[in-house]
C-alpha atoms as a PDB file:
ATOM      1  CA  MET A   1     104.198  75.314 130.297  1.00  0.00           C
ATOM      2  CA  VAL A   2     103.504  74.696 133.971  1.00  0.00           C
ATOM      3  CA  ILE A   3     101.766  71.718 135.569  1.00  0.00           C
ATOM      4  CA  ALA A   4      99.283  72.628 138.305  1.00  0.00           C
ATOM      5  CA  VAL A   5      97.915  69.863 140.535  1.00  0.00           C
ATOM      6  CA  ILE A   6      94.896  69.924 142.820  1.00  0.00           C
ATOM      7  CA  ALA A   7      94.502  66.926 145.144  1.00  0.00           C
ATOM      8  CA  ASP A   8      91.684  66.075 147.479  1.00  0.00           C
ATOM      9  CA  ILE A   9      91.284  63.267 149.991  1.00  0.00           C
ATOM     10  CA  VAL A  10      88.992  60.421 148.970  1.00  0.00           C
ATOM     11  CA  GLY A  11      86.221  59.957 151.542  1.00  0.00           C
ATOM     12  CA  SER A  12      87.592  62.645 153.858  1.00  0.00           C
ATOM     13  CA  ARG A  13      84.274  63.027 155.679  1.00  0.00           C
ATOM     14  CA  ARG A  14      84.249  59.321 156.516  1.00  0.00           C
ATOM     15  CA  LEU A  15      87.697  59.290 158.109  1.00  0.00           C
ATOM     16  CA  GLU A  16      87.463  58.562 161.829  1.00  0.00           C
ATOM     17  CA  ASP A  17      90.518  60.664 162.682  1.00  0.00           C
ATOM     18  CA  ARG A  18      91.041  63.425 160.114  1.00  0.00           C
ATOM     19  CA  ALA A  19      94.047  64.904 161.941  1.00  0.00           C
ATOM     20  CA  SER A  20      95.812  61.550 162.064  1.00  0.00           C
ATOM     21  CA  ALA A  21      95.082  60.980 158.368  1.00  0.00           C
ATOM     22  CA  GLN A  22      96.614  64.363 157.530  1.00  0.00           C
ATOM     23  CA  ARG A  23      99.799  63.394 159.359  1.00  0.00           C
ATOM     24  CA  VAL A  24      99.973  60.202 157.281  1.00  0.00           C
ATOM     25  CA  LEU A  25      99.505  62.250 154.094  1.00  0.00           C
ATOM     26  CA  ASP A  26     102.161  64.771 155.131  1.00  0.00           C
ATOM     27  CA  GLU A  27     104.635  61.984 155.887  1.00  0.00           C
ATOM     28  CA  ALA A  28     103.975  60.269 152.536  1.00  0.00           C
ATOM     29  CA  ILE A  29     104.428  63.535 150.612  1.00  0.00           C
ATOM     30  CA  ALA A  30     107.690  64.235 152.457  1.00  0.00           C
ATOM     31  CA  ARG A  31     108.925  60.708 151.733  1.00  0.00           C
ATOM     32  CA  VAL A  32     108.226  61.008 148.009  1.00  0.00           C
ATOM     33  CA  GLU A  33     110.008  64.354 147.836  1.00  0.00           C
ATOM     34  CA  GLU A  34     112.989  62.941 149.704  1.00  0.00           C
ATOM     35  CA  ASP A  35     113.238  59.836 147.507  1.00  0.00           C
ATOM     36  CA  LEU A  36     112.747  61.683 144.202  1.00  0.00           C
ATOM     37  CA  PRO A  37     112.351  65.478 144.470  1.00  0.00           C
ATOM     38  CA  LEU A  38     110.482  66.525 141.328  1.00  0.00           C
ATOM     39  CA  ALA A  39     107.990  69.185 142.432  1.00  0.00           C
ATOM     40  CA  THR A  40     108.587  72.901 142.040  1.00  0.00           C
ATOM     41  CA  GLN A  41     106.095  73.245 144.884  1.00  0.00           C
ATOM     42  CA  PRO A  42     105.284  69.981 146.714  1.00  0.00           C
ATOM     43  CA  LEU A  43     101.686  69.258 147.667  1.00  0.00           C
ATOM     44  CA  THR A  44     100.646  71.733 150.342  1.00  0.00           C
ATOM     45  CA  PRO A  45      97.296  71.918 152.181  1.00  0.00           C
ATOM     46  CA  THR A  46      95.118  74.842 151.110  1.00  0.00           C
ATOM     47  CA  VAL A  47      91.580  74.624 152.456  1.00  0.00           C
ATOM     48  CA  GLY A  48      89.353  71.785 153.636  1.00  0.00           C
ATOM     49  CA  ASP A  49      90.618  68.481 152.256  1.00  0.00           C
ATOM     50  CA  GLU A  50      92.470  69.997 149.280  1.00  0.00           C
ATOM     51  CA  GLN A  51      96.154  70.363 148.517  1.00  0.00           C
ATOM     52  CA  GLN A  52      97.998  72.001 145.629  1.00  0.00           C
ATOM     53  CA  ALA A  53     101.324  71.366 143.918  1.00  0.00           C
ATOM     54  CA  VAL A  54     103.265  72.682 140.936  1.00  0.00           C
ATOM     55  CA  TYR A  55     105.614  70.817 138.569  1.00  0.00           C
ATOM     56  CA  ALA A  56     107.767  72.039 135.701  1.00  0.00           C
ATOM     57  CA  ARG A  57     107.048  69.002 133.485  1.00  0.00           C
ATOM     58  CA  LEU A  58     104.084  66.691 133.011  1.00  0.00           C
ATOM     59  CA  GLY A  59     106.287  63.592 133.199  1.00  0.00           C
ATOM     60  CA  ASP A  60     107.582  64.699 136.610  1.00  0.00           C
ATOM     61  CA  ALA A  61     104.035  65.172 137.889  1.00  0.00           C
ATOM     62  CA  LEU A  62     102.949  61.740 136.634  1.00  0.00           C
ATOM     63  CA  THR A  63     105.935  60.089 138.315  1.00  0.00           C
ATOM     64  CA  SER A  64     105.574  61.911 141.623  1.00  0.00           C
ATOM     65  CA  LEU A  65     101.825  61.325 141.906  1.00  0.00           C
ATOM     66  CA  LEU A  66     102.246  57.607 141.170  1.00  0.00           C
ATOM     67  CA  MET A  67     104.825  57.400 143.947  1.00  0.00           C
ATOM     68  CA  LEU A  68     102.401  59.089 146.320  1.00  0.00           C
ATOM     69  CA  GLN A  69      99.592  56.687 145.394  1.00  0.00           C
ATOM     70  CA  LEU A  70     101.926  53.783 146.140  1.00  0.00           C
ATOM     71  CA  ALA A  71     103.238  55.293 149.387  1.00  0.00           C
ATOM     72  CA  LEU A  72      99.832  55.726 151.044  1.00  0.00           C
ATOM     73  CA  PRO A  73      98.444  52.948 153.277  1.00  0.00           C
ATOM     74  CA  ASP A  74      95.094  51.221 152.883  1.00  0.00           C
ATOM     75  CA  GLY A  75      92.159  53.493 153.674  1.00  0.00           C
ATOM     76  CA  ILE A  76      93.790  56.808 152.714  1.00  0.00           C
ATOM     77  CA  SER A  77      94.064  58.058 149.136  1.00  0.00           C
ATOM     78  CA  PHE A  78      94.022  61.170 146.966  1.00  0.00           C
ATOM     79  CA  ARG A  79      92.260  62.221 143.797  1.00  0.00           C
ATOM     80  CA  PHE A  80      94.393  64.326 141.452  1.00  0.00           C
ATOM     81  CA  GLY A  81      93.380  66.964 138.933  1.00  0.00           C
ATOM     82  CA  ILE A  82      96.294  67.946 136.681  1.00  0.00           C
ATOM     83  CA  GLY A  83      96.149  71.192 134.719  1.00  0.00           C
ATOM     84  CA  VAL A  84      98.552  72.050 131.893  1.00  0.00           C
ATOM     85  CA  GLY A  85      98.809  75.807 131.421  1.00  0.00           C
ATOM     86  CA  ALA A  86     100.178  79.061 132.728  1.00  0.00           C
ATOM     87  CA  ILE A  87      99.879  80.148 136.348  1.00  0.00           C
ATOM     88  CA  ARG A  88     100.714  83.488 137.869  1.00  0.00           C
ATOM     89  CA  ALA A  89     101.399  84.925 141.302  1.00  0.00           C
ATOM     90  CA  ILE A  90      99.065  87.617 142.627  1.00  0.00           C
ATOM     91  CA  ASP A  91     100.147  89.913 145.440  1.00  0.00           C
ATOM     92  CA  SER A  92      97.764  90.023 148.366  1.00  0.00           C
ATOM     93  CA  ALA A  93      97.756  91.580 151.808  1.00  0.00           C
ATOM     94  CA  ASN A  94      97.268  88.037 153.140  1.00  0.00           C
ATOM     95  CA  GLY A  95     100.202  86.593 151.223  1.00  0.00           C
ATOM     96  CA  ASP A  96     100.970  85.521 147.677  1.00  0.00           C
ATOM     97  CA  LEU A  97      98.151  83.892 145.740  1.00  0.00           C
ATOM     98  CA  SER A  98      98.417  81.756 142.617  1.00  0.00           C
ATOM     99  CA  ASP A  99      95.944  82.005 139.754  1.00  0.00           C
ATOM    100  CA  GLY A 100      95.727  81.358 136.053  1.00  0.00           C
ATOM    101  CA  PRO A 101      94.455  78.925 133.395  1.00  0.00           C
ATOM    102  CA  GLY A 102      96.607  76.073 134.713  1.00  0.00           C
ATOM    103  CA  TRP A 103      94.630  76.086 137.955  1.00  0.00           C
ATOM    104  CA  TYR A 104      91.300  76.351 136.136  1.00  0.00           C
ATOM    105  CA  ALA A 105      92.273  73.315 134.061  1.00  0.00           C
ATOM    106  CA  ALA A 106      93.295  71.405 137.196  1.00  0.00           C
ATOM    107  CA  ARG A 107      89.886  72.182 138.726  1.00  0.00           C
ATOM    108  CA  ASP A 108      88.149  70.879 135.602  1.00  0.00           C
ATOM    109  CA  ALA A 109      90.300  67.757 135.778  1.00  0.00           C
ATOM    110  CA  ILE A 110      89.486  66.896 139.385  1.00  0.00           C
ATOM    111  CA  GLU A 111      85.792  67.463 138.729  1.00  0.00           C
ATOM    112  CA  THR A 112      86.094  64.941 135.890  1.00  0.00           C
ATOM    113  CA  VAL A 113      87.586  62.425 138.324  1.00  0.00           C
ATOM    114  CA  HIS A 114      84.723  62.986 140.786  1.00  0.00           C
ATOM    115  CA  ALA A 115      82.106  62.501 138.080  1.00  0.00           C
ATOM    116  CA  ARG A 116      83.604  59.431 136.419  1.00  0.00           C
ATOM    117  CA  GLU A 117      84.554  57.531 139.574  1.00  0.00           C
ATOM    118  CA  GLN A 118      80.938  57.731 140.709  1.00  0.00           C
ATOM    119  CA  ARG A 119      79.800  56.018 137.519  1.00  0.00           C
ATOM    120  CA  ALA A 120      81.762  53.607 135.346  1.00  0.00           C
ATOM    121  CA  VAL A 121      85.333  53.987 136.678  1.00  0.00           C
ATOM    122  CA  PRO A 122      85.268  53.675 140.490  1.00  0.00           C
ATOM    123  CA  ARG A 123      89.052  53.324 140.800  1.00  0.00           C
ATOM    124  CA  MET A 124      89.790  56.410 138.707  1.00  0.00           C
ATOM    125  CA  ARG A 125      91.970  58.831 140.662  1.00  0.00           C
ATOM    126  CA  THR A 126      93.808  61.022 138.134  1.00  0.00           C
ATOM    127  CA  TRP A 127      92.996  63.116 135.050  1.00  0.00           C
ATOM    128  CA  ILE A 128      94.701  65.786 132.960  1.00  0.00           C
ATOM    129  CA  VAL A 129      93.114  68.818 131.281  1.00  0.00           C
ATOM    130  CA  GLY A 130      94.985  71.245 129.059  1.00  0.00           C
ATOM    131  CA  ALA A 131      94.179  74.945 129.351  1.00  0.00           C
ATOM    132  CA  PRO A 132      93.052  76.640 126.125  1.00  0.00           C
ATOM    133  CA  GLY A 133      95.821  77.411 123.665  1.00  0.00           C
ATOM    134  CA  GLN A 134      97.889  74.199 123.996  1.00  0.00           C
ATOM    135  CA  ASP A 135     100.062  73.473 120.973  1.00  0.00           C
ATOM    136  CA  GLU A 136      99.366  70.650 118.536  1.00  0.00           C
ATOM    137  CA  VAL A 137     101.956  68.433 120.223  1.00  0.00           C
ATOM    138  CA  MET A 138     100.631  68.738 123.763  1.00  0.00           C
ATOM    139  CA  GLU A 139      97.042  67.796 122.925  1.00  0.00           C
ATOM    140  CA  PRO A 140      97.855  64.215 121.813  1.00  0.00           C
ATOM    141  CA  VAL A 141     100.342  63.892 124.691  1.00  0.00           C
ATOM    142  CA  ILE A 142      97.561  64.717 127.161  1.00  0.00           C
ATOM    143  CA  ALA A 143      95.201  62.255 125.452  1.00  0.00           C
ATOM    144  CA  ALA A 144      97.805  59.458 125.553  1.00  0.00           C
ATOM    145  CA  SER A 145      98.662  60.248 129.171  1.00  0.00           C
ATOM    146  CA  ASN A 146      95.007  60.077 130.199  1.00  0.00           C
ATOM    147  CA  ALA A 147      94.662  56.670 128.528  1.00  0.00           C
ATOM    148  CA  TYR A 148      97.677  55.495 130.533  1.00  0.00           C
ATOM    149  CA  LEU A 149      96.270  56.975 133.741  1.00  0.00           C
ATOM    150  CA  LEU A 150      92.982  55.090 133.422  1.00  0.00           C
ATOM    151  CA  THR A 151      94.882  51.799 133.317  1.00  0.00           C
ATOM    152  CA  ARG A 152      97.382  52.890 135.953  1.00  0.00           C
ATOM    153  CA  ASP A 153      94.713  53.841 138.465  1.00  0.00           C
ATOM    154  CA  GLU A 154      92.928  50.534 137.898  1.00  0.00           C
ATOM    155  CA  LEU A 155      96.141  48.602 138.607  1.00  0.00           C
ATOM    156  CA  VAL A 156      97.086  50.626 141.685  1.00  0.00           C
ATOM    157  CA  GLY A 157      93.531  50.481 143.014  1.00  0.00           C
ATOM    158  CA  ALA A 158      93.587  46.687 142.864  1.00  0.00           C
ATOM    159  CA  MET A 159      96.907  46.364 144.720  1.00  0.00           C
ATOM    160  CA  SER A 160      97.291  45.268 148.307  1.00  0.00           C
ATOM    161  CA  GLY A 161      99.278  47.405 150.717  1.00  0.00           C
ATOM    162  CA  ARG A 162     102.286  45.099 150.344  1.00  0.00           C
ATOM    163  CA  GLU A 163     102.118  45.205 146.544  1.00  0.00           C
ATOM    164  CA  ARG A 164     102.104  49.004 146.632  1.00  0.00           C
ATOM    165  CA  ARG A 165     105.106  49.060 148.967  1.00  0.00           C
ATOM    166  CA  LEU A 166     107.026  46.637 146.771  1.00  0.00           C
ATOM    167  CA  THR A 167     106.186  48.562 143.608  1.00  0.00           C
ATOM    168  CA  TYR A 168     107.270  51.814 145.248  1.00  0.00           C
ATOM    169  CA  GLY A 169     110.551  50.213 146.222  1.00  0.00           C
ATOM    170  CA  ARG A 170     111.251  48.978 142.711  1.00  0.00           C
ATOM    171  CA  LEU A 171     110.300  52.362 141.238  1.00  0.00           C
ATOM    172  CA  ILE A 172     113.043  54.040 143.282  1.00  0.00           C
ATOM    173  CA  GLY A 173     115.510  51.252 142.531  1.00  0.00           C
ATOM    174  CA  THR A 174     115.513  49.236 145.770  1.00  0.00           C
ATOM    175  CA  PRO A 175     116.842  45.707 145.125  1.00  0.00           C
ATOM    176  CA  GLN A 176     114.338  42.882 145.516  1.00  0.00           C
ATOM    177  CA  ALA A 177     116.504  41.274 148.212  1.00  0.00           C
ATOM    178  CA  ASP A 178     116.257  44.419 150.345  1.00  0.00           C
ATOM    179  CA  LEU A 179     112.493  44.572 149.817  1.00  0.00           C
ATOM    180  CA  ALA A 180     112.208  40.935 150.877  1.00  0.00           C
ATOM    181  CA  ARG A 181     114.078  41.602 154.124  1.00  0.00           C
ATOM    182  CA  ALA A 182     111.907  44.645 154.890  1.00  0.00           C
ATOM    183  CA  GLU A 183     108.710  42.646 154.328  1.00  0.00           C
ATOM    184  CA  GLY A 184     109.919  39.480 156.039  1.00  0.00           C
ATOM    185  CA  ILE A 185     109.391  37.356 152.929  1.00  0.00           C
ATOM    186  CA  THR A 186     111.582  35.626 150.357  1.00  0.00           C
ATOM    187  CA  GLN A 187     112.950  37.261 147.215  1.00  0.00           C
ATOM    188  CA  PRO A 188     110.950  34.860 144.977  1.00  0.00           C
ATOM    189  CA  SER A 189     107.806  35.972 146.839  1.00  0.00           C
ATOM    190  CA  VAL A 190     108.683  39.602 146.074  1.00  0.00           C
ATOM    191  CA  SER A 191     109.133  38.761 142.392  1.00  0.00           C
ATOM    192  CA  LYS A 192     105.834  36.876 142.292  1.00  0.00           C
ATOM    193  CA  SER A 193     103.956  39.738 143.978  1.00  0.00           C
ATOM    194  CA  LEU A 194     105.400  42.302 141.576  1.00  0.00           C
ATOM    195  CA  ARG A 195     104.456  40.195 138.555  1.00  0.00           C
ATOM    196  CA  SER A 196     100.890  39.562 139.712  1.00  0.00           C
ATOM    197  CA  ALA A 197     100.379  43.261 140.534  1.00  0.00           C
ATOM    198  CA  GLY A 198     101.577  44.485 137.123  1.00  0.00           C
ATOM    199  CA  ALA A 199     104.341  46.537 138.714  1.00  0.00           C
ATOM    200  CA  ALA A 200     106.682  46.377 135.717  1.00  0.00           C
ATOM    201  CA  ALA A 201     103.989  47.768 133.412  1.00  0.00           C
ATOM    202  CA  LEU A 202     103.397  50.686 135.775  1.00  0.00           C
ATOM    203  CA  ILE A 203     107.065  51.501 136.147  1.00  0.00           C
ATOM    204  CA  ASP A 204     107.904  51.118 132.462  1.00  0.00           C
ATOM    205  CA  GLY A 205     104.803  53.092 131.463  1.00  0.00           C
ATOM    206  CA  VAL A 206     105.613  56.105 133.576  1.00  0.00           C
ATOM    207  CA  ALA A 207     109.251  55.987 132.410  1.00  0.00           C
ATOM    208  CA  GLN A 208     108.122  56.043 128.787  1.00  0.00           C
ATOM    209  CA  LEU A 209     105.748  58.963 129.380  1.00  0.00           C
ATOM    210  CA  ARG A 210     108.301  60.859 131.414  1.00  0.00           C
ATOM    211  CA  GLY A 211     110.753  60.610 128.547  1.00  0.00           C
ATOM    212  CA  MET A 212     108.127  61.598 125.982  1.00  0.00           C
ATOM    213  CA  VAL A 213     106.951  64.721 127.820  1.00  0.00           C
ATOM    214  CA  ALA A 214     110.230  65.804 129.435  1.00  0.00           C
END
């Protein structure tokens, strides 16, 4: 099993400075990979506003993409389509290409995000689709993970920039006292912000899923 991820930039055509936004995205991706390197192939720009990544395990992808959501500043965000299935390299005169049912599933997943965020779930950012032929264990895992993702995206989407930074810090194990110094606030204020943002639920949820689908 391989986890293929397609990401695109939310509202890319409305960004005033697309090149500057891309630098912010590149820096956030590099930071996530430095803090917790989980990707077989980290998110890499392909064409237009899209990027692609590959992970060995679904739990790793869910953790890494949450970190990226938290690392990005206000005004810049990704949608993620996650495909569970095989991928294969194809030789080409223009370089190696990657194809296969995992990528087709990831494309279906990101199209689901586009469709649903325009209707009833405006903060939806992530969805998983399994390629045909998944075993009887993976199907309920994908269903449970999608239920978690709906709630996760709602929580992250409601966070302020500071709440995302604090949650990111706790996810990678930074002590609250260090986070307080970095933000110029007190440790009790950090604790209060984390509680009101639902940070513990996010962190515990992804840890549970990562263990279940490792």
